[in-house]
Amino acid sequence: SKNNSDFFKVKNDWSLIKDKLLGCYLMPYF
């Protein structure tokens, strides 16, 4: 298995995109 011990040190680009989409979607949904 791959060593993922540093996975949560900084956000990856895909995580930034996910969080931006989440922010755009959740406000009107909630």
PDB file of all heavy atoms in Angstrom:
ATOM      1  N   SER A   1       0.820  -1.206   0.000  1.00  0.00           N
ATOM      2  CA  SER A   1       0.000   0.000   0.000  1.00  0.00           C
ATOM      3  C   SER A   1       0.859   1.263   0.000  1.00  0.00           C
ATOM      4  O   SER A   1       1.994   1.263   0.457  1.00  0.00           O
ATOM      5  CB  SER A   1      -0.931  -0.003   1.209  1.00  0.00           C
ATOM      6  OG  SER A   1      -0.182   0.054   2.396  1.00  0.00           O
ATOM      7  N   LYS A   2       0.240   2.317  -0.513  1.00  0.00           N
ATOM      8  CA  LYS A   2       0.916   3.601  -0.606  1.00  0.00           C
ATOM      9  C   LYS A   2       0.924   4.291   0.757  1.00  0.00           C
ATOM     10  O   LYS A   2      -0.041   4.216   1.507  1.00  0.00           O
ATOM     11  CB  LYS A   2       0.183   4.472  -1.634  1.00  0.00           C
ATOM     12  CG  LYS A   2       0.795   5.813  -1.850  1.00  0.00           C
ATOM     13  CD  LYS A   2       0.002   6.592  -2.878  1.00  0.00           C
ATOM     14  CE  LYS A   2       0.536   7.996  -2.979  1.00  0.00           C
ATOM     15  NZ  LYS A   2      -0.260   8.813  -3.877  1.00  0.00           N
ATOM     16  N   ASN A   3       2.002   4.995   1.067  1.00  0.00           N
ATOM     17  CA  ASN A   3       2.087   5.759   2.310  1.00  0.00           C
ATOM     18  C   ASN A   3       1.331   7.077   2.121  1.00  0.00           C
ATOM     19  O   ASN A   3       1.716   7.928   1.332  1.00  0.00           O
ATOM     20  CB  ASN A   3       3.557   6.036   2.653  1.00  0.00           C
ATOM     21  CG  ASN A   3       3.710   6.819   3.947  1.00  0.00           C
ATOM     22  OD1 ASN A   3       2.740   7.213   4.568  1.00  0.00           O
ATOM     23  ND2 ASN A   3       4.936   7.038   4.339  1.00  0.00           N
ATOM     24  N   ASN A   4       0.226   7.233   2.844  1.00  0.00           N
ATOM     25  CA  ASN A   4      -0.609   8.439   2.752  1.00  0.00           C
ATOM     26  C   ASN A   4      -0.506   9.308   3.997  1.00  0.00           C
ATOM     27  O   ASN A   4      -1.402  10.093   4.270  1.00  0.00           O
ATOM     28  CB  ASN A   4      -2.068   8.045   2.525  1.00  0.00           C
ATOM     29  CG  ASN A   4      -2.293   7.486   1.149  1.00  0.00           C
ATOM     30  OD1 ASN A   4      -1.732   7.975   0.175  1.00  0.00           O
ATOM     31  ND2 ASN A   4      -3.115   6.457   1.059  1.00  0.00           N
ATOM     32  N   SER A   5       0.551   9.188   4.755  1.00  0.00           N
ATOM     33  CA  SER A   5       0.657   9.897   6.026  1.00  0.00           C
ATOM     34  C   SER A   5       0.642  11.419   5.871  1.00  0.00           C
ATOM     35  O   SER A   5       0.282  12.130   6.799  1.00  0.00           O
ATOM     36  CB  SER A   5       1.917   9.458   6.775  1.00  0.00           C
ATOM     37  OG  SER A   5       3.075   9.770   6.032  1.00  0.00           O
ATOM     38  N   ASP A   6       1.011  11.925   4.694  1.00  0.00           N
ATOM     39  CA  ASP A   6       1.027  13.377   4.492  1.00  0.00           C
ATOM     40  C   ASP A   6      -0.158  13.871   3.663  1.00  0.00           C
ATOM     41  O   ASP A   6      -0.187  15.011   3.209  1.00  0.00           O
ATOM     42  CB  ASP A   6       2.338  13.813   3.842  1.00  0.00           C
ATOM     43  CG  ASP A   6       2.527  13.249   2.447  1.00  0.00           C
ATOM     44  OD1 ASP A   6       1.787  12.325   2.055  1.00  0.00           O
ATOM     45  OD2 ASP A   6       3.421  13.753   1.736  1.00  0.00           O
ATOM     46  N   PHE A   7      -1.182  13.035   3.511  1.00  0.00           N
ATOM     47  CA  PHE A   7      -2.322  13.353   2.658  1.00  0.00           C
ATOM     48  C   PHE A   7      -3.054  14.621   3.101  1.00  0.00           C
ATOM     49  O   PHE A   7      -3.533  15.389   2.283  1.00  0.00           O
ATOM     50  CB  PHE A   7      -3.295  12.173   2.627  1.00  0.00           C
ATOM     51  CG  PHE A   7      -4.388  12.319   1.620  1.00  0.00           C
ATOM     52  CD1 PHE A   7      -4.159  12.027   0.290  1.00  0.00           C
ATOM     53  CD2 PHE A   7      -5.642  12.755   1.998  1.00  0.00           C
ATOM     54  CE1 PHE A   7      -5.173  12.164  -0.648  1.00  0.00           C
ATOM     55  CE2 PHE A   7      -6.655  12.905   1.074  1.00  0.00           C
ATOM     56  CZ  PHE A   7      -6.416  12.604  -0.258  1.00  0.00           C
ATOM     57  N   PHE A   8      -3.154  14.863   4.398  1.00  0.00           N
ATOM     58  CA  PHE A   8      -3.915  15.999   4.906  1.00  0.00           C
ATOM     59  C   PHE A   8      -3.035  17.177   5.330  1.00  0.00           C
ATOM     60  O   PHE A   8      -3.475  18.041   6.084  1.00  0.00           O
ATOM     61  CB  PHE A   8      -4.807  15.568   6.069  1.00  0.00           C
ATOM     62  CG  PHE A   8      -5.931  14.681   5.635  1.00  0.00           C
ATOM     63  CD1 PHE A   8      -5.926  13.330   5.934  1.00  0.00           C
ATOM     64  CD2 PHE A   8      -6.980  15.181   4.899  1.00  0.00           C
ATOM     65  CE1 PHE A   8      -6.951  12.506   5.523  1.00  0.00           C
ATOM     66  CE2 PHE A   8      -8.015  14.373   4.480  1.00  0.00           C
ATOM     67  CZ  PHE A   8      -8.001  13.023   4.790  1.00  0.00           C
ATOM     68  N   LYS A   9      -1.822  17.234   4.823  1.00  0.00           N
ATOM     69  CA  LYS A   9      -0.954  18.382   5.138  1.00  0.00           C
ATOM     70  C   LYS A   9      -1.465  19.643   4.450  1.00  0.00           C
ATOM     71  O   LYS A   9      -1.615  20.679   5.085  1.00  0.00           O
ATOM     72  CB  LYS A   9       0.489  18.099   4.747  1.00  0.00           C
ATOM     73  CG  LYS A   9       1.173  17.146   5.694  1.00  0.00           C
ATOM     74  CD  LYS A   9       2.662  17.092   5.431  1.00  0.00           C
ATOM     75  CE  LYS A   9       3.282  16.043   6.305  1.00  0.00           C
ATOM     76  NZ  LYS A   9       3.892  16.507   7.490  1.00  0.00           N
ATOM     77  N   VAL A  10      -1.679  19.575   3.154  1.00  0.00           N
ATOM     78  CA  VAL A  10      -2.220  20.700   2.380  1.00  0.00           C
ATOM     79  C   VAL A  10      -3.265  20.163   1.410  1.00  0.00           C
ATOM     80  O   VAL A  10      -3.240  18.995   1.044  1.00  0.00           O
ATOM     81  CB  VAL A  10      -1.121  21.466   1.592  1.00  0.00           C
ATOM     82  CG1 VAL A  10      -0.139  22.125   2.518  1.00  0.00           C
ATOM     83  CG2 VAL A  10      -0.412  20.547   0.629  1.00  0.00           C
ATOM     84  N   LYS A  11      -4.176  21.037   0.988  1.00  0.00           N
ATOM     85  CA  LYS A  11      -5.202  20.632   0.040  1.00  0.00           C
ATOM     86  C   LYS A  11      -4.602  20.452  -1.349  1.00  0.00           C
ATOM     87  O   LYS A  11      -3.813  21.269  -1.801  1.00  0.00           O
ATOM     88  CB  LYS A  11      -6.297  21.693  -0.049  1.00  0.00           C
ATOM     89  CG  LYS A  11      -7.272  21.660   1.065  1.00  0.00           C
ATOM     90  CD  LYS A  11      -8.430  22.576   0.757  1.00  0.00           C
ATOM     91  CE  LYS A  11      -9.408  22.570   1.895  1.00  0.00           C
ATOM     92  NZ  LYS A  11     -10.599  23.335   1.583  1.00  0.00           N
ATOM     93  N   ASN A  12      -5.028  19.407  -2.004  1.00  0.00           N
ATOM     94  CA  ASN A  12      -4.678  19.194  -3.399  1.00  0.00           C
ATOM     95  C   ASN A  12      -5.627  19.996  -4.283  1.00  0.00           C
ATOM     96  O   ASN A  12      -6.699  20.430  -3.831  1.00  0.00           O
ATOM     97  CB  ASN A  12      -4.780  17.703  -3.751  1.00  0.00           C
ATOM     98  CG  ASN A  12      -3.725  16.884  -3.047  1.00  0.00           C
ATOM     99  OD1 ASN A  12      -2.544  17.183  -3.141  1.00  0.00           O
ATOM    100  ND2 ASN A  12      -4.148  15.856  -2.328  1.00  0.00           N
ATOM    101  N   ASP A  13      -5.267  20.176  -5.543  1.00  0.00           N
ATOM    102  CA  ASP A  13      -6.104  20.946  -6.465  1.00  0.00           C
ATOM    103  C   ASP A  13      -7.514  20.373  -6.566  1.00  0.00           C
ATOM    104  O   ASP A  13      -8.494  21.117  -6.586  1.00  0.00           O
ATOM    105  CB  ASP A  13      -5.466  21.001  -7.857  1.00  0.00           C
ATOM    106  CG  ASP A  13      -4.223  21.869  -7.893  1.00  0.00           C
ATOM    107  OD1 ASP A  13      -4.050  22.714  -6.991  1.00  0.00           O
ATOM    108  OD2 ASP A  13      -3.426  21.714  -8.839  1.00  0.00           O
ATOM    109  N   TRP A  14      -7.620  19.047  -6.630  1.00  0.00           N
ATOM    110  CA  TRP A  14      -8.944  18.442  -6.754  1.00  0.00           C
ATOM    111  C   TRP A  14      -9.794  18.710  -5.519  1.00  0.00           C
ATOM    112  O   TRP A  14     -11.011  18.840  -5.605  1.00  0.00           O
ATOM    113  CB  TRP A  14      -8.835  16.940  -7.036  1.00  0.00           C
ATOM    114  CG  TRP A  14      -8.080  16.171  -5.997  1.00  0.00           C
ATOM    115  CD1 TRP A  14      -6.762  15.835  -6.023  1.00  0.00           C
ATOM    116  CD2 TRP A  14      -8.585  15.655  -4.766  1.00  0.00           C
ATOM    117  NE1 TRP A  14      -6.424  15.145  -4.895  1.00  0.00           N
ATOM    118  CE2 TRP A  14      -7.523  15.015  -4.098  1.00  0.00           C
ATOM    119  CE3 TRP A  14      -9.831  15.669  -4.165  1.00  0.00           C
ATOM    120  CZ2 TRP A  14      -7.677  14.398  -2.873  1.00  0.00           C
ATOM    121  CZ3 TRP A  14      -9.966  15.050  -2.934  1.00  0.00           C
ATOM    122  CH2 TRP A  14      -8.890  14.423  -2.313  1.00  0.00           C
ATOM    123  N   SER A  15      -9.163  18.820  -4.366  1.00  0.00           N
ATOM    124  CA  SER A  15      -9.900  19.110  -3.138  1.00  0.00           C
ATOM    125  C   SER A  15     -10.385  20.559  -3.130  1.00  0.00           C
ATOM    126  O   SER A  15     -11.491  20.844  -2.666  1.00  0.00           O
ATOM    127  CB  SER A  15      -9.008  18.838  -1.926  1.00  0.00           C
ATOM    128  OG  SER A  15      -9.734  18.975  -0.730  1.00  0.00           O
ATOM    129  N   LEU A  16      -9.571  21.461  -3.637  1.00  0.00           N
ATOM    130  CA  LEU A  16      -9.990  22.869  -3.748  1.00  0.00           C
ATOM    131  C   LEU A  16     -11.199  22.996  -4.668  1.00  0.00           C
ATOM    132  O   LEU A  16     -12.145  23.741  -4.367  1.00  0.00           O
ATOM    133  CB  LEU A  16      -8.830  23.725  -4.278  1.00  0.00           C
ATOM    134  CG  LEU A  16      -7.639  23.892  -3.334  1.00  0.00           C
ATOM    135  CD1 LEU A  16      -6.455  24.515  -4.074  1.00  0.00           C
ATOM    136  CD2 LEU A  16      -8.030  24.751  -2.139  1.00  0.00           C
ATOM    137  N   ILE A  17     -11.172  22.257  -5.772  1.00  0.00           N
ATOM    138  CA  ILE A  17     -12.296  22.287  -6.711  1.00  0.00           C
ATOM    139  C   ILE A  17     -13.550  21.700  -6.061  1.00  0.00           C
ATOM    140  O   ILE A  17     -14.642  22.263  -6.163  1.00  0.00           O
ATOM    141  CB  ILE A  17     -11.940  21.536  -8.012  1.00  0.00           C
ATOM    142  CG1 ILE A  17     -10.846  22.296  -8.759  1.00  0.00           C
ATOM    143  CG2 ILE A  17     -13.175  21.326  -8.888  1.00  0.00           C
ATOM    144  CD1 ILE A  17     -10.199  21.530  -9.881  1.00  0.00           C
ATOM    145  N   LYS A  18     -13.391  20.577  -5.367  1.00  0.00           N
ATOM    146  CA  LYS A  18     -14.531  19.957  -4.688  1.00  0.00           C
ATOM    147  C   LYS A  18     -15.139  20.927  -3.680  1.00  0.00           C
ATOM    148  O   LYS A  18     -16.357  21.089  -3.611  1.00  0.00           O
ATOM    149  CB  LYS A  18     -14.102  18.686  -3.964  1.00  0.00           C
ATOM    150  CG  LYS A  18     -15.225  18.076  -3.143  1.00  0.00           C
ATOM    151  CD  LYS A  18     -14.726  17.067  -2.136  1.00  0.00           C
ATOM    152  CE  LYS A  18     -15.881  16.655  -1.240  1.00  0.00           C
ATOM    153  NZ  LYS A  18     -15.457  15.893  -0.105  1.00  0.00           N
ATOM    154  N   ASP A  19     -14.306  21.590  -2.899  1.00  0.00           N
ATOM    155  CA  ASP A  19     -14.807  22.507  -1.878  1.00  0.00           C
ATOM    156  C   ASP A  19     -15.509  23.712  -2.498  1.00  0.00           C
ATOM    157  O   ASP A  19     -16.508  24.194  -1.973  1.00  0.00           O
ATOM    158  CB  ASP A  19     -13.669  22.951  -0.962  1.00  0.00           C
ATOM    159  CG  ASP A  19     -13.159  21.816  -0.092  1.00  0.00           C
ATOM    160  OD1 ASP A  19     -13.826  20.758  -0.015  1.00  0.00           O
ATOM    161  OD2 ASP A  19     -12.083  21.968   0.499  1.00  0.00           O
ATOM    162  N   LYS A  20     -15.006  24.188  -3.622  1.00  0.00           N
ATOM    163  CA  LYS A  20     -15.658  25.310  -4.311  1.00  0.00           C
ATOM    164  C   LYS A  20     -17.032  24.883  -4.833  1.00  0.00           C
ATOM    165  O   LYS A  20     -18.017  25.606  -4.672  1.00  0.00           O
ATOM    166  CB  LYS A  20     -14.783  25.824  -5.447  1.00  0.00           C
ATOM    167  CG  LYS A  20     -15.332  27.049  -6.115  1.00  0.00           C
ATOM    168  CD  LYS A  20     -14.295  27.661  -7.033  1.00  0.00           C
ATOM    169  CE  LYS A  20     -14.820  28.891  -7.721  1.00  0.00           C
ATOM    170  NZ  LYS A  20     -14.787  30.080  -6.910  1.00  0.00           N
ATOM    171  N   LEU A  21     -17.098  23.710  -5.444  1.00  0.00           N
ATOM    172  CA  LEU A  21     -18.386  23.196  -5.924  1.00  0.00           C
ATOM    173  C   LEU A  21     -19.349  22.962  -4.767  1.00  0.00           C
ATOM    174  O   LEU A  21     -20.545  23.276  -4.869  1.00  0.00           O
ATOM    175  CB  LEU A  21     -18.180  21.896  -6.699  1.00  0.00           C
ATOM    176  CG  LEU A  21     -17.498  22.023  -8.047  1.00  0.00           C
ATOM    177  CD1 LEU A  21     -17.142  20.650  -8.593  1.00  0.00           C
ATOM    178  CD2 LEU A  21     -18.375  22.786  -9.020  1.00  0.00           C
ATOM    179  N   LEU A  22     -18.844  22.426  -3.689  1.00  0.00           N
ATOM    180  CA  LEU A  22     -19.661  22.192  -2.507  1.00  0.00           C
ATOM    181  C   LEU A  22     -20.256  23.500  -2.000  1.00  0.00           C
ATOM    182  O   LEU A  22     -21.442  23.586  -1.697  1.00  0.00           O
ATOM    183  CB  LEU A  22     -18.807  21.529  -1.416  1.00  0.00           C
ATOM    184  CG  LEU A  22     -19.508  21.037  -0.170  1.00  0.00           C
ATOM    185  CD1 LEU A  22     -20.431  19.877  -0.511  1.00  0.00           C
ATOM    186  CD2 LEU A  22     -18.484  20.611   0.859  1.00  0.00           C
ATOM    187  N   GLY A  23     -19.420  24.535  -1.934  1.00  0.00           N
ATOM    188  CA  GLY A  23     -19.890  25.836  -1.472  1.00  0.00           C
ATOM    189  C   GLY A  23     -20.953  26.425  -2.385  1.00  0.00           C
ATOM    190  O   GLY A  23     -21.919  27.031  -1.916  1.00  0.00           O
ATOM    191  N   CYS A  24     -20.802  26.238  -3.683  1.00  0.00           N
ATOM    192  CA  CYS A  24     -21.785  26.754  -4.640  1.00  0.00           C
ATOM    193  C   CYS A  24     -23.107  25.994  -4.561  1.00  0.00           C
ATOM    194  O   CYS A  24     -24.173  26.567  -4.763  1.00  0.00           O
ATOM    195  CB  CYS A  24     -21.241  26.660  -6.066  1.00  0.00           C
ATOM    196  SG  CYS A  24     -19.880  27.777  -6.401  1.00  0.00           S
ATOM    197  N   TYR A  25     -23.036  24.715  -4.279  1.00  0.00           N
ATOM    198  CA  TYR A  25     -24.231  23.881  -4.272  1.00  0.00           C
ATOM    199  C   TYR A  25     -24.981  23.908  -2.937  1.00  0.00           C
ATOM    200  O   TYR A  25     -26.211  23.985  -2.915  1.00  0.00           O
ATOM    201  CB  TYR A  25     -23.845  22.434  -4.599  1.00  0.00           C
ATOM    202  CG  TYR A  25     -24.996  21.475  -4.530  1.00  0.00           C
ATOM    203  CD1 TYR A  25     -25.915  21.400  -5.571  1.00  0.00           C
ATOM    204  CD2 TYR A  25     -25.188  20.667  -3.415  1.00  0.00           C
ATOM    205  CE1 TYR A  25     -26.989  20.531  -5.509  1.00  0.00           C
ATOM    206  CE2 TYR A  25     -26.265  19.799  -3.341  1.00  0.00           C
ATOM    207  CZ  TYR A  25     -27.156  19.724  -4.386  1.00  0.00           C
ATOM    208  OH  TYR A  25     -28.215  18.878  -4.314  1.00  0.00           O
ATOM    209  N   LEU A  26     -24.254  23.826  -1.841  1.00  0.00           N
ATOM    210  CA  LEU A  26     -24.918  23.658  -0.549  1.00  0.00           C
ATOM    211  C   LEU A  26     -25.725  24.865  -0.098  1.00  0.00           C
ATOM    212  O   LEU A  26     -26.770  24.698   0.523  1.00  0.00           O
ATOM    213  CB  LEU A  26     -23.904  23.293   0.537  1.00  0.00           C
ATOM    214  CG  LEU A  26     -23.468  21.845   0.582  1.00  0.00           C
ATOM    215  CD1 LEU A  26     -22.523  21.620   1.753  1.00  0.00           C
ATOM    216  CD2 LEU A  26     -24.634  20.894   0.674  1.00  0.00           C
ATOM    217  N   MET A  27     -25.260  26.060  -0.393  1.00  0.00           N
ATOM    218  CA  MET A  27     -25.996  27.248   0.054  1.00  0.00           C
ATOM    219  C   MET A  27     -27.434  27.252  -0.493  1.00  0.00           C
ATOM    220  O   MET A  27     -28.389  27.293   0.293  1.00  0.00           O
ATOM    221  CB  MET A  27     -25.254  28.528  -0.331  1.00  0.00           C
ATOM    222  CG  MET A  27     -25.939  29.800   0.113  1.00  0.00           C
ATOM    223  SD  MET A  27     -25.915  30.109   1.886  1.00  0.00           S
ATOM    224  CE  MET A  27     -24.246  30.651   2.093  1.00  0.00           C
ATOM    225  N   PRO A  28     -27.639  27.183  -1.803  1.00  0.00           N
ATOM    226  CA  PRO A  28     -29.032  27.172  -2.275  1.00  0.00           C
ATOM    227  C   PRO A  28     -29.794  25.901  -1.881  1.00  0.00           C
ATOM    228  O   PRO A  28     -30.996  25.955  -1.633  1.00  0.00           O
ATOM    229  CB  PRO A  28     -28.907  27.290  -3.796  1.00  0.00           C
ATOM    230  CG  PRO A  28     -27.509  26.956  -4.125  1.00  0.00           C
ATOM    231  CD  PRO A  28     -26.689  27.245  -2.903  1.00  0.00           C
ATOM    232  N   TYR A  29     -29.093  24.776  -1.792  1.00  0.00           N
ATOM    233  CA  TYR A  29     -29.755  23.530  -1.398  1.00  0.00           C
ATOM    234  C   TYR A  29     -30.276  23.625   0.039  1.00  0.00           C
ATOM    235  O   TYR A  29     -31.444  23.336   0.306  1.00  0.00           O
ATOM    236  CB  TYR A  29     -28.799  22.343  -1.538  1.00  0.00           C
ATOM    237  CG  TYR A  29     -29.401  21.055  -1.064  1.00  0.00           C
ATOM    238  CD1 TYR A  29     -30.339  20.384  -1.846  1.00  0.00           C
ATOM    239  CD2 TYR A  29     -29.059  20.516   0.175  1.00  0.00           C
ATOM    240  CE1 TYR A  29     -30.915  19.196  -1.399  1.00  0.00           C
ATOM    241  CE2 TYR A  29     -29.626  19.332   0.612  1.00  0.00           C
ATOM    242  CZ  TYR A  29     -30.548  18.673  -0.178  1.00  0.00           C
ATOM    243  OH  TYR A  29     -31.113  17.514   0.274  1.00  0.00           O
ATOM    244  N   PHE A  30     -29.409  24.032   0.955  1.00  0.00           N
ATOM    245  CA  PHE A  30     -29.839  24.160   2.349  1.00  0.00           C
ATOM    246  C   PHE A  30     -30.965  25.179   2.475  1.00  0.00           C
ATOM    247  O   PHE A  30     -31.925  24.971   3.220  1.00  0.00           O
ATOM    248  CB  PHE A  30     -28.671  24.559   3.250  1.00  0.00           C
ATOM    249  CG  PHE A  30     -27.727  23.438   3.594  1.00  0.00           C
ATOM    250  CD1 PHE A  30     -26.525  23.712   4.230  1.00  0.00           C
ATOM    251  CD2 PHE A  30     -28.004  22.120   3.306  1.00  0.00           C
ATOM    252  CE1 PHE A  30     -25.632  22.696   4.568  1.00  0.00           C
ATOM    253  CE2 PHE A  30     -27.131  21.083   3.637  1.00  0.00           C
ATOM    254  CZ  PHE A  30     -25.940  21.382   4.265  1.00  0.00           C
TER     255      PHE A  30
END
